[in-house]
Amino acid sequence: MPQGKIKVKTKVPDAVKAKLQKKKKSGVAFTRRANAPIQAKKTKMQGTQKIKQLLSKAVNKSVEEDIRARASEGVINFSKAQHAVAKHNKNSKANVPDA
């Protein structure tokens, strides 16, 4: 049961309607200033990702050494590849003169 008058929509004048539509189309959410550019988030994200990766590598390495020490009762058994890398590192450090 309706009470009161029936609401009738009013028609917006054409000039006002055109202005509103033009404003909607050309409007940008915000304007960038030349002296205050917005930095990309990518570089910050890459930096944090690199730090996380280095941290996880260090943690994994220390955990691996700890597990090997417990399993071998203090003796670390390296694979052939790890022996080759250790030998290469030892030789390269010996060949570098101190500055």
PDB file of N, CA and C in Angstrom:
ATOM      1  N   MET A   1       0.832  -1.172   0.000  1.00  0.00           N
ATOM      2  CA  MET A   1       0.000   0.000   0.000  1.00  0.00           C
ATOM      3  C   MET A   1       0.879   1.237   0.000  1.00  0.00           C
ATOM      4  N   PRO A   2       0.929   1.894  -1.141  1.00  0.00           N
ATOM      5  CA  PRO A   2       1.781   3.082  -1.235  1.00  0.00           C
ATOM      6  C   PRO A   2       1.197   4.244  -0.452  1.00  0.00           C
ATOM      7  N   GLN A   3       2.096   4.993   0.109  1.00  0.00           N
ATOM      8  CA  GLN A   3       1.676   6.182   0.847  1.00  0.00           C
ATOM      9  C   GLN A   3       2.336   7.395   0.229  1.00  0.00           C
ATOM     10  N   GLY A   4       1.629   8.430   0.014  1.00  0.00           N
ATOM     11  CA  GLY A   4       2.188   9.645  -0.539  1.00  0.00           C
ATOM     12  C   GLY A   4       2.253   9.609  -2.049  1.00  0.00           C
ATOM     13  N   LYS A   5       2.960  10.577  -2.593  1.00  0.00           N
ATOM     14  CA  LYS A   5       3.057  10.707  -4.048  1.00  0.00           C
ATOM     15  C   LYS A   5       4.028   9.678  -4.625  1.00  0.00           C
ATOM     16  N   ILE A   6       3.857   9.397  -5.897  1.00  0.00           N
ATOM     17  CA  ILE A   6       4.795   8.542  -6.612  1.00  0.00           C
ATOM     18  C   ILE A   6       5.990   9.405  -7.000  1.00  0.00           C
ATOM     19  N   LYS A   7       7.188   8.856  -6.746  1.00  0.00           N
ATOM     20  CA  LYS A   7       8.393   9.630  -7.061  1.00  0.00           C
ATOM     21  C   LYS A   7       8.647   9.604  -8.562  1.00  0.00           C
ATOM     22  N   VAL A   8       8.960  10.744  -9.103  1.00  0.00           N
ATOM     23  CA  VAL A   8       9.243  10.864 -10.528  1.00  0.00           C
ATOM     24  C   VAL A   8      10.691  11.302 -10.680  1.00  0.00           C
ATOM     25  N   LYS A   9      11.437  10.608 -11.551  1.00  0.00           N
ATOM     26  CA  LYS A   9      12.827  10.987 -11.778  1.00  0.00           C
ATOM     27  C   LYS A   9      12.882  12.279 -12.566  1.00  0.00           C
ATOM     28  N   THR A  10      13.802  13.152 -12.155  1.00  0.00           N
ATOM     29  CA  THR A  10      13.968  14.404 -12.889  1.00  0.00           C
ATOM     30  C   THR A  10      14.988  14.204 -13.984  1.00  0.00           C
ATOM     31  N   LYS A  11      14.811  14.920 -15.063  1.00  0.00           N
ATOM     32  CA  LYS A  11      15.732  14.810 -16.188  1.00  0.00           C
ATOM     33  C   LYS A  11      16.793  15.889 -16.057  1.00  0.00           C
ATOM     34  N   VAL A  12      18.074  15.481 -16.172  1.00  0.00           N
ATOM     35  CA  VAL A  12      19.192  16.410 -16.076  1.00  0.00           C
ATOM     36  C   VAL A  12      19.311  17.153 -17.397  1.00  0.00           C
ATOM     37  N   PRO A  13      19.545  18.457 -17.353  1.00  0.00           N
ATOM     38  CA  PRO A  13      19.721  19.210 -18.603  1.00  0.00           C
ATOM     39  C   PRO A  13      20.893  18.673 -19.421  1.00  0.00           C
ATOM     40  N   ASP A  14      20.792  18.772 -20.748  1.00  0.00           N
ATOM     41  CA  ASP A  14      21.808  18.213 -21.639  1.00  0.00           C
ATOM     42  C   ASP A  14      23.183  18.816 -21.412  1.00  0.00           C
ATOM     43  N   ALA A  15      23.265  20.111 -21.138  1.00  0.00           N
ATOM     44  CA  ALA A  15      24.559  20.765 -20.941  1.00  0.00           C
ATOM     45  C   ALA A  15      25.267  20.203 -19.709  1.00  0.00           C
ATOM     46  N   VAL A  16      24.529  20.033 -18.638  1.00  0.00           N
ATOM     47  CA  VAL A  16      25.105  19.499 -17.395  1.00  0.00           C
ATOM     48  C   VAL A  16      25.496  18.038 -17.589  1.00  0.00           C
ATOM     49  N   LYS A  17      24.648  17.289 -18.292  1.00  0.00           N
ATOM     50  CA  LYS A  17      24.910  15.882 -18.545  1.00  0.00           C
ATOM     51  C   LYS A  17      26.194  15.706 -19.364  1.00  0.00           C
ATOM     52  N   ALA A  18      26.388  16.545 -20.359  1.00  0.00           N
ATOM     53  CA  ALA A  18      27.583  16.471 -21.197  1.00  0.00           C
ATOM     54  C   ALA A  18      28.835  16.766 -20.374  1.00  0.00           C
ATOM     55  N   LYS A  19      28.758  17.757 -19.491  1.00  0.00           N
ATOM     56  CA  LYS A  19      29.908  18.095 -18.643  1.00  0.00           C
ATOM     57  C   LYS A  19      30.274  16.931 -17.726  1.00  0.00           C
ATOM     58  N   LEU A  20      29.276  16.304 -17.134  1.00  0.00           N
ATOM     59  CA  LEU A  20      29.522  15.183 -16.230  1.00  0.00           C
ATOM     60  C   LEU A  20      30.161  14.007 -16.960  1.00  0.00           C
ATOM     61  N   GLN A  21      29.665  13.701 -18.160  1.00  0.00           N
ATOM     62  CA  GLN A  21      30.220  12.590 -18.922  1.00  0.00           C
ATOM     63  C   GLN A  21      31.650  12.878 -19.352  1.00  0.00           C
ATOM     64  N   LYS A  22      31.927  14.123 -19.738  1.00  0.00           N
ATOM     65  CA  LYS A  22      33.273  14.504 -20.151  1.00  0.00           C
ATOM     66  C   LYS A  22      34.237  14.391 -18.973  1.00  0.00           C
ATOM     67  N   LYS A  23      33.787  14.805 -17.813  1.00  0.00           N
ATOM     68  CA  LYS A  23      34.611  14.755 -16.612  1.00  0.00           C
ATOM     69  C   LYS A  23      34.928  13.306 -16.240  1.00  0.00           C
ATOM     70  N   LYS A  24      33.939  12.419 -16.373  1.00  0.00           N
ATOM     71  CA  LYS A  24      34.141  11.013 -16.048  1.00  0.00           C
ATOM     72  C   LYS A  24      35.165  10.372 -16.975  1.00  0.00           C
ATOM     73  N   LYS A  25      35.083  10.681 -18.266  1.00  0.00           N
ATOM     74  CA  LYS A  25      35.970  10.059 -19.244  1.00  0.00           C
ATOM     75  C   LYS A  25      37.405  10.536 -19.105  1.00  0.00           C
ATOM     76  N   SER A  26      37.593  11.826 -18.942  1.00  0.00           N
ATOM     77  CA  SER A  26      38.948  12.364 -18.946  1.00  0.00           C
ATOM     78  C   SER A  26      39.582  12.383 -17.564  1.00  0.00           C
ATOM     79  N   GLY A  27      38.807  12.172 -16.533  1.00  0.00           N
ATOM     80  CA  GLY A  27      39.325  12.268 -15.172  1.00  0.00           C
ATOM     81  C   GLY A  27      40.249  11.108 -14.830  1.00  0.00           C
ATOM     82  N   VAL A  28      41.345  11.407 -14.159  1.00  0.00           N
ATOM     83  CA  VAL A  28      42.287  10.405 -13.686  1.00  0.00           C
ATOM     84  C   VAL A  28      42.168  10.368 -12.167  1.00  0.00           C
ATOM     85  N   ALA A  29      42.448   9.232 -11.581  1.00  0.00           N
ATOM     86  CA  ALA A  29      42.309   9.098 -10.136  1.00  0.00           C
ATOM     87  C   ALA A  29      43.205  10.083  -9.400  1.00  0.00           C
ATOM     88  N   PHE A  30      44.416  10.253  -9.879  1.00  0.00           N
ATOM     89  CA  PHE A  30      45.322  11.232  -9.280  1.00  0.00           C
ATOM     90  C   PHE A  30      46.276  11.715 -10.354  1.00  0.00           C
ATOM     91  N   THR A  31      46.868  12.850 -10.141  1.00  0.00           N
ATOM     92  CA  THR A  31      47.806  13.387 -11.118  1.00  0.00           C
ATOM     93  C   THR A  31      49.213  13.256 -10.581  1.00  0.00           C
ATOM     94  N   ARG A  32      50.125  12.908 -11.458  1.00  0.00           N
ATOM     95  CA  ARG A  32      51.527  12.795 -11.073  1.00  0.00           C
ATOM     96  C   ARG A  32      52.206  14.130 -11.298  1.00  0.00           C
ATOM     97  N   ARG A  33      53.033  14.464 -10.351  1.00  0.00           N
ATOM     98  CA  ARG A  33      53.823  15.680 -10.520  1.00  0.00           C
ATOM     99  C   ARG A  33      55.205  15.272 -11.009  1.00  0.00           C
ATOM    100  N   ALA A  34      55.824  16.129 -11.785  1.00  0.00           N
ATOM    101  CA  ALA A  34      57.150  15.824 -12.325  1.00  0.00           C
ATOM    102  C   ALA A  34      58.190  15.786 -11.215  1.00  0.00           C
ATOM    103  N   ASN A  35      58.015  16.604 -10.189  1.00  0.00           N
ATOM    104  CA  ASN A  35      59.022  16.645  -9.131  1.00  0.00           C
ATOM    105  C   ASN A  35      58.770  15.610  -8.037  1.00  0.00           C
ATOM    106  N   ALA A  36      57.718  14.855  -8.112  1.00  0.00           N
ATOM    107  CA  ALA A  36      57.441  13.815  -7.122  1.00  0.00           C
ATOM    108  C   ALA A  36      56.940  12.555  -7.819  1.00  0.00           C
ATOM    109  N   PRO A  37      57.815  11.865  -8.559  1.00  0.00           N
ATOM    110  CA  PRO A  37      57.368  10.666  -9.257  1.00  0.00           C
ATOM    111  C   PRO A  37      57.108   9.523  -8.274  1.00  0.00           C
ATOM    112  N   ILE A  38      56.244   8.631  -8.661  1.00  0.00           N
ATOM    113  CA  ILE A  38      55.913   7.482  -7.830  1.00  0.00           C
ATOM    114  C   ILE A  38      56.865   6.352  -8.205  1.00  0.00           C
ATOM    115  N   GLN A  39      57.573   5.835  -7.203  1.00  0.00           N
ATOM    116  CA  GLN A  39      58.533   4.777  -7.475  1.00  0.00           C
ATOM    117  C   GLN A  39      57.816   3.451  -7.696  1.00  0.00           C
ATOM    118  N   ALA A  40      58.427   2.625  -8.509  1.00  0.00           N
ATOM    119  CA  ALA A  40      57.879   1.308  -8.768  1.00  0.00           C
ATOM    120  C   ALA A  40      58.112   0.418  -7.557  1.00  0.00           C
ATOM    121  N   LYS A  41      57.174  -0.471  -7.306  1.00  0.00           N
ATOM    122  CA  LYS A  41      57.292  -1.380  -6.167  1.00  0.00           C
ATOM    123  C   LYS A  41      58.215  -2.552  -6.490  1.00  0.00           C
ATOM    124  N   LYS A  42      58.498  -2.750  -7.770  1.00  0.00           N
ATOM    125  CA  LYS A  42      59.244  -3.926  -8.191  1.00  0.00           C
ATOM    126  C   LYS A  42      60.631  -3.973  -7.566  1.00  0.00           C
ATOM    127  N   THR A  43      61.339  -2.841  -7.540  1.00  0.00           N
ATOM    128  CA  THR A  43      62.700  -2.850  -7.010  1.00  0.00           C
ATOM    129  C   THR A  43      62.709  -3.185  -5.529  1.00  0.00           C
ATOM    130  N   LYS A  44      61.760  -2.649  -4.787  1.00  0.00           N
ATOM    131  CA  LYS A  44      61.688  -2.943  -3.351  1.00  0.00           C
ATOM    132  C   LYS A  44      61.395  -4.425  -3.135  1.00  0.00           C
ATOM    133  N   MET A  45      60.485  -4.963  -3.933  1.00  0.00           N
ATOM    134  CA  MET A  45      60.125  -6.371  -3.793  1.00  0.00           C
ATOM    135  C   MET A  45      61.298  -7.275  -4.151  1.00  0.00           C
ATOM    136  N   GLN A  46      62.057  -6.893  -5.187  1.00  0.00           N
ATOM    137  CA  GLN A  46      63.217  -7.690  -5.574  1.00  0.00           C
ATOM    138  C   GLN A  46      64.261  -7.688  -4.474  1.00  0.00           C
ATOM    139  N   GLY A  47      64.467  -6.543  -3.840  1.00  0.00           N
ATOM    140  CA  GLY A  47      65.440  -6.457  -2.751  1.00  0.00           C
ATOM    141  C   GLY A  47      65.056  -7.342  -1.580  1.00  0.00           C
ATOM    142  N   THR A  48      63.804  -7.304  -1.188  1.00  0.00           N
ATOM    143  CA  THR A  48      63.363  -8.149  -0.072  1.00  0.00           C
ATOM    144  C   THR A  48      63.439  -9.621  -0.449  1.00  0.00           C
ATOM    145  N   GLN A  49      63.116  -9.936  -1.701  1.00  0.00           N
ATOM    146  CA  GLN A  49      63.182 -11.324  -2.146  1.00  0.00           C
ATOM    147  C   GLN A  49      64.618 -11.834  -2.112  1.00  0.00           C
ATOM    148  N   LYS A  50      65.575 -10.984  -2.511  1.00  0.00           N
ATOM    149  CA  LYS A  50      66.979 -11.377  -2.502  1.00  0.00           C
ATOM    150  C   LYS A  50      67.458 -11.637  -1.078  1.00  0.00           C
ATOM    151  N   ILE A  51      67.060 -10.776  -0.149  1.00  0.00           N
ATOM    152  CA  ILE A  51      67.446 -10.960   1.251  1.00  0.00           C
ATOM    153  C   ILE A  51      66.858 -12.254   1.802  1.00  0.00           C
ATOM    154  N   LYS A  52      65.601 -12.528   1.489  1.00  0.00           N
ATOM    155  CA  LYS A  52      64.965 -13.763   1.948  1.00  0.00           C
ATOM    156  C   LYS A  52      65.691 -14.986   1.402  1.00  0.00           C
ATOM    157  N   GLN A  53      66.084 -14.899   0.128  1.00  0.00           N
ATOM    158  CA  GLN A  53      66.757 -16.025  -0.501  1.00  0.00           C
ATOM    159  C   GLN A  53      68.115 -16.279   0.148  1.00  0.00           C
ATOM    160  N   LEU A  54      68.888 -15.214   0.386  1.00  0.00           N
ATOM    161  CA  LEU A  54      70.186 -15.373   1.034  1.00  0.00           C
ATOM    162  C   LEU A  54      70.032 -15.929   2.445  1.00  0.00           C
ATOM    163  N   LEU A  55      69.044 -15.454   3.158  1.00  0.00           N
ATOM    164  CA  LEU A  55      68.801 -15.925   4.514  1.00  0.00           C
ATOM    165  C   LEU A  55      68.432 -17.403   4.523  1.00  0.00           C
ATOM    166  N   SER A  56      67.557 -17.806   3.606  1.00  0.00           N
ATOM    167  CA  SER A  56      67.154 -19.210   3.565  1.00  0.00           C
ATOM    168  C   SER A  56      68.324 -20.107   3.172  1.00  0.00           C
ATOM    169  N   LYS A  57      69.194 -19.629   2.271  1.00  0.00           N
ATOM    170  CA  LYS A  57      70.372 -20.421   1.903  1.00  0.00           C
ATOM    171  C   LYS A  57      71.290 -20.612   3.096  1.00  0.00           C
ATOM    172  N   ALA A  58      71.509 -19.538   3.864  1.00  0.00           N
ATOM    173  CA  ALA A  58      72.383 -19.627   5.030  1.00  0.00           C
ATOM    174  C   ALA A  58      71.804 -20.575   6.074  1.00  0.00           C
ATOM    175  N   VAL A  59      70.509 -20.476   6.295  1.00  0.00           N
ATOM    176  CA  VAL A  59      69.862 -21.352   7.279  1.00  0.00           C
ATOM    177  C   VAL A  59      69.934 -22.801   6.817  1.00  0.00           C
ATOM    178  N   ASN A  60      69.650 -23.045   5.546  1.00  0.00           N
ATOM    179  CA  ASN A  60      69.701 -24.413   5.025  1.00  0.00           C
ATOM    180  C   ASN A  60      71.101 -24.996   5.135  1.00  0.00           C
ATOM    181  N   LYS A  61      72.114 -24.181   4.861  1.00  0.00           N
ATOM    182  CA  LYS A  61      73.496 -24.654   4.935  1.00  0.00           C
ATOM    183  C   LYS A  61      73.859 -25.029   6.365  1.00  0.00           C
ATOM    184  N   SER A  62      73.491 -24.175   7.320  1.00  0.00           N
ATOM    185  CA  SER A  62      73.824 -24.473   8.714  1.00  0.00           C
ATOM    186  C   SER A  62      73.063 -25.697   9.211  1.00  0.00           C
ATOM    187  N   VAL A  63      71.815 -25.845   8.794  1.00  0.00           N
ATOM    188  CA  VAL A  63      71.033 -27.016   9.192  1.00  0.00           C
ATOM    189  C   VAL A  63      71.641 -28.278   8.591  1.00  0.00           C
ATOM    190  N   GLU A  64      72.062 -28.195   7.338  1.00  0.00           N
ATOM    191  CA  GLU A  64      72.670 -29.363   6.690  1.00  0.00           C
ATOM    192  C   GLU A  64      73.950 -29.777   7.404  1.00  0.00           C
ATOM    193  N   GLU A  65      74.791 -28.808   7.756  1.00  0.00           N
ATOM    194  CA  GLU A  65      76.027 -29.127   8.471  1.00  0.00           C
ATOM    195  C   GLU A  65      75.723 -29.754   9.826  1.00  0.00           C
ATOM    196  N   ASP A  66      74.719 -29.236  10.511  1.00  0.00           N
ATOM    197  CA  ASP A  66      74.346 -29.766  11.816  1.00  0.00           C
ATOM    198  C   ASP A  66      73.847 -31.203  11.698  1.00  0.00           C
ATOM    199  N   ILE A  67      73.006 -31.452  10.704  1.00  0.00           N
ATOM    200  CA  ILE A  67      72.471 -32.805  10.518  1.00  0.00           C
ATOM    201  C   ILE A  67      73.583 -33.776  10.135  1.00  0.00           C
ATOM    202  N   ARG A  68      74.480 -33.334   9.262  1.00  0.00           N
ATOM    203  CA  ARG A  68      75.602 -34.203   8.874  1.00  0.00           C
ATOM    204  C   ARG A  68      76.494 -34.519  10.067  1.00  0.00           C
ATOM    205  N   ALA A  69      76.741 -33.509  10.897  1.00  0.00           N
ATOM    206  CA  ALA A  69      77.588 -33.727  12.073  1.00  0.00           C
ATOM    207  C   ALA A  69      76.938 -34.727  13.025  1.00  0.00           C
ATOM    208  N   ARG A  70      75.640 -34.617  13.220  1.00  0.00           N
ATOM    209  CA  ARG A  70      74.948 -35.558  14.107  1.00  0.00           C
ATOM    210  C   ARG A  70      74.916 -36.962  13.517  1.00  0.00           C
ATOM    211  N   ALA A  71      74.705 -37.060  12.212  1.00  0.00           N
ATOM    212  CA  ALA A  71      74.609 -38.366  11.563  1.00  0.00           C
ATOM    213  C   ALA A  71      75.960 -39.065  11.508  1.00  0.00           C
ATOM    214  N   SER A  72      77.018 -38.309  11.313  1.00  0.00           N
ATOM    215  CA  SER A  72      78.344 -38.904  11.154  1.00  0.00           C
ATOM    216  C   SER A  72      79.147 -38.887  12.444  1.00  0.00           C
ATOM    217  N   GLU A  73      78.548 -38.427  13.510  1.00  0.00           N
ATOM    218  CA  GLU A  73      79.222 -38.326  14.811  1.00  0.00           C
ATOM    219  C   GLU A  73      80.462 -37.451  14.716  1.00  0.00           C
ATOM    220  N   GLY A  74      80.294 -36.279  14.133  1.00  0.00           N
ATOM    221  CA  GLY A  74      81.380 -35.306  14.073  1.00  0.00           C
ATOM    222  C   GLY A  74      82.204 -35.357  12.805  1.00  0.00           C
ATOM    223  N   VAL A  75      82.055 -36.386  11.987  1.00  0.00           N
ATOM    224  CA  VAL A  75      82.811 -36.485  10.743  1.00  0.00           C
ATOM    225  C   VAL A  75      81.888 -36.060   9.600  1.00  0.00           C
ATOM    226  N   ILE A  76      82.340 -35.073   8.814  1.00  0.00           N
ATOM    227  CA  ILE A  76      81.533 -34.590   7.699  1.00  0.00           C
ATOM    228  C   ILE A  76      81.966 -35.320   6.434  1.00  0.00           C
ATOM    229  N   ASN A  77      81.034 -36.020   5.802  1.00  0.00           N
ATOM    230  CA  ASN A  77      81.318 -36.733   4.559  1.00  0.00           C
ATOM    231  C   ASN A  77      80.804 -35.900   3.393  1.00  0.00           C
ATOM    232  N   PHE A  78      81.719 -35.502   2.528  1.00  0.00           N
ATOM    233  CA  PHE A  78      81.344 -34.710   1.369  1.00  0.00           C
ATOM    234  C   PHE A  78      81.255 -35.599   0.141  1.00  0.00           C
ATOM    235  N   SER A  79      80.460 -35.174  -0.815  1.00  0.00           N
ATOM    236  CA  SER A  79      80.397 -35.873  -2.090  1.00  0.00           C
ATOM    237  C   SER A  79      81.619 -35.471  -2.919  1.00  0.00           C
ATOM    238  N   LYS A  80      81.806 -36.125  -4.056  1.00  0.00           N
ATOM    239  CA  LYS A  80      82.955 -35.811  -4.913  1.00  0.00           C
ATOM    240  C   LYS A  80      82.896 -34.369  -5.398  1.00  0.00           C
ATOM    241  N   ALA A  81      81.714 -33.914  -5.737  1.00  0.00           N
ATOM    242  CA  ALA A  81      81.557 -32.540  -6.215  1.00  0.00           C
ATOM    243  C   ALA A  81      81.904 -31.546  -5.114  1.00  0.00           C
ATOM    244  N   GLN A  82      81.485 -31.825  -3.890  1.00  0.00           N
ATOM    245  CA  GLN A  82      81.781 -30.923  -2.782  1.00  0.00           C
ATOM    246  C   GLN A  82      83.277 -30.912  -2.466  1.00  0.00           C
ATOM    247  N   HIS A  83      83.933 -32.076  -2.584  1.00  0.00           N
ATOM    248  CA  HIS A  83      85.390 -32.116  -2.399  1.00  0.00           C
ATOM    249  C   HIS A  83      86.086 -31.278  -3.461  1.00  0.00           C
ATOM    250  N   ALA A  84      85.620 -31.375  -4.713  1.00  0.00           N
ATOM    251  CA  ALA A  84      86.227 -30.609  -5.800  1.00  0.00           C
ATOM    252  C   ALA A  84      86.060 -29.115  -5.568  1.00  0.00           C
ATOM    253  N   VAL A  85      84.905 -28.699  -5.109  1.00  0.00           N
ATOM    254  CA  VAL A  85      84.663 -27.281  -4.843  1.00  0.00           C
ATOM    255  C   VAL A  85      85.545 -26.796  -3.702  1.00  0.00           C
ATOM    256  N   ALA A  86      85.654 -27.594  -2.648  1.00  0.00           N
ATOM    257  CA  ALA A  86      86.491 -27.210  -1.508  1.00  0.00           C
ATOM    258  C   ALA A  86      87.956 -27.101  -1.928  1.00  0.00           C
ATOM    259  N   LYS A  87      88.402 -28.039  -2.754  1.00  0.00           N
ATOM    260  CA  LYS A  87      89.787 -28.011  -3.228  1.00  0.00           C
ATOM    261  C   LYS A  87      90.029 -26.787  -4.101  1.00  0.00           C
ATOM    262  N   HIS A  88      89.076 -26.476  -4.974  1.00  0.00           N
ATOM    263  CA  HIS A  88      89.190 -25.307  -5.845  1.00  0.00           C
ATOM    264  C   HIS A  88      89.241 -24.024  -5.019  1.00  0.00           C
ATOM    265  N   ASN A  89      88.373 -23.923  -4.022  1.00  0.00           N
ATOM    266  CA  ASN A  89      88.357 -22.729  -3.169  1.00  0.00           C
ATOM    267  C   ASN A  89      89.662 -22.578  -2.397  1.00  0.00           C
ATOM    268  N   LYS A  90      90.191 -23.688  -1.913  1.00  0.00           N
ATOM    269  CA  LYS A  90      91.447 -23.636  -1.160  1.00  0.00           C
ATOM    270  C   LYS A  90      92.590 -23.186  -2.072  1.00  0.00           C
ATOM    271  N   ASN A  91      92.625 -23.708  -3.306  1.00  0.00           N
ATOM    272  CA  ASN A  91      93.676 -23.329  -4.254  1.00  0.00           C
ATOM    273  C   ASN A  91      93.540 -21.876  -4.692  1.00  0.00           C
ATOM    274  N   SER A  92      92.323 -21.419  -4.912  1.00  0.00           N
ATOM    275  CA  SER A  92      92.132 -20.044  -5.371  1.00  0.00           C
ATOM    276  C   SER A  92      92.487 -19.053  -4.272  1.00  0.00           C
ATOM    277  N   LYS A  93      92.250 -19.377  -3.014  1.00  0.00           N
ATOM    278  CA  LYS A  93      92.629 -18.496  -1.907  1.00  0.00           C
ATOM    279  C   LYS A  93      94.143 -18.456  -1.741  1.00  0.00           C
ATOM    280  N   ALA A  94      94.808 -19.578  -2.007  1.00  0.00           N
ATOM    281  CA  ALA A  94      96.264 -19.628  -1.868  1.00  0.00           C
ATOM    282  C   ALA A  94      96.948 -18.831  -2.980  1.00  0.00           C
ATOM    283  N   ASN A  95      96.337 -18.766  -4.163  1.00  0.00           N
ATOM    284  CA  ASN A  95      96.938 -18.074  -5.297  1.00  0.00           C
ATOM    285  C   ASN A  95      96.734 -16.566  -5.253  1.00  0.00           C
ATOM    286  N   VAL A  96      95.800 -16.077  -4.469  1.00  0.00           N
ATOM    287  CA  VAL A  96      95.517 -14.644  -4.407  1.00  0.00           C
ATOM    288  C   VAL A  96      96.501 -13.988  -3.446  1.00  0.00           C
ATOM    289  N   PRO A  97      97.328 -13.013  -3.941  1.00  0.00           N
ATOM    290  CA  PRO A  97      98.265 -12.342  -3.039  1.00  0.00           C
ATOM    291  C   PRO A  97      97.527 -11.351  -2.138  1.00  0.00           C
ATOM    292  N   ASP A  98      98.042 -11.169  -0.923  1.00  0.00           N
ATOM    293  CA  ASP A  98      97.434 -10.213   0.011  1.00  0.00           C
ATOM    294  C   ASP A  98      97.748  -8.803  -0.429  1.00  0.00           C
ATOM    295  N   ALA A  99      96.783  -7.911  -0.319  1.00  0.00           N
ATOM    296  CA  ALA A  99      96.969  -6.528  -0.754  1.00  0.00           C
ATOM    297  C   ALA A  99      97.489  -5.672   0.372  1.00  0.00           C
TER     298      ALA A  99
END
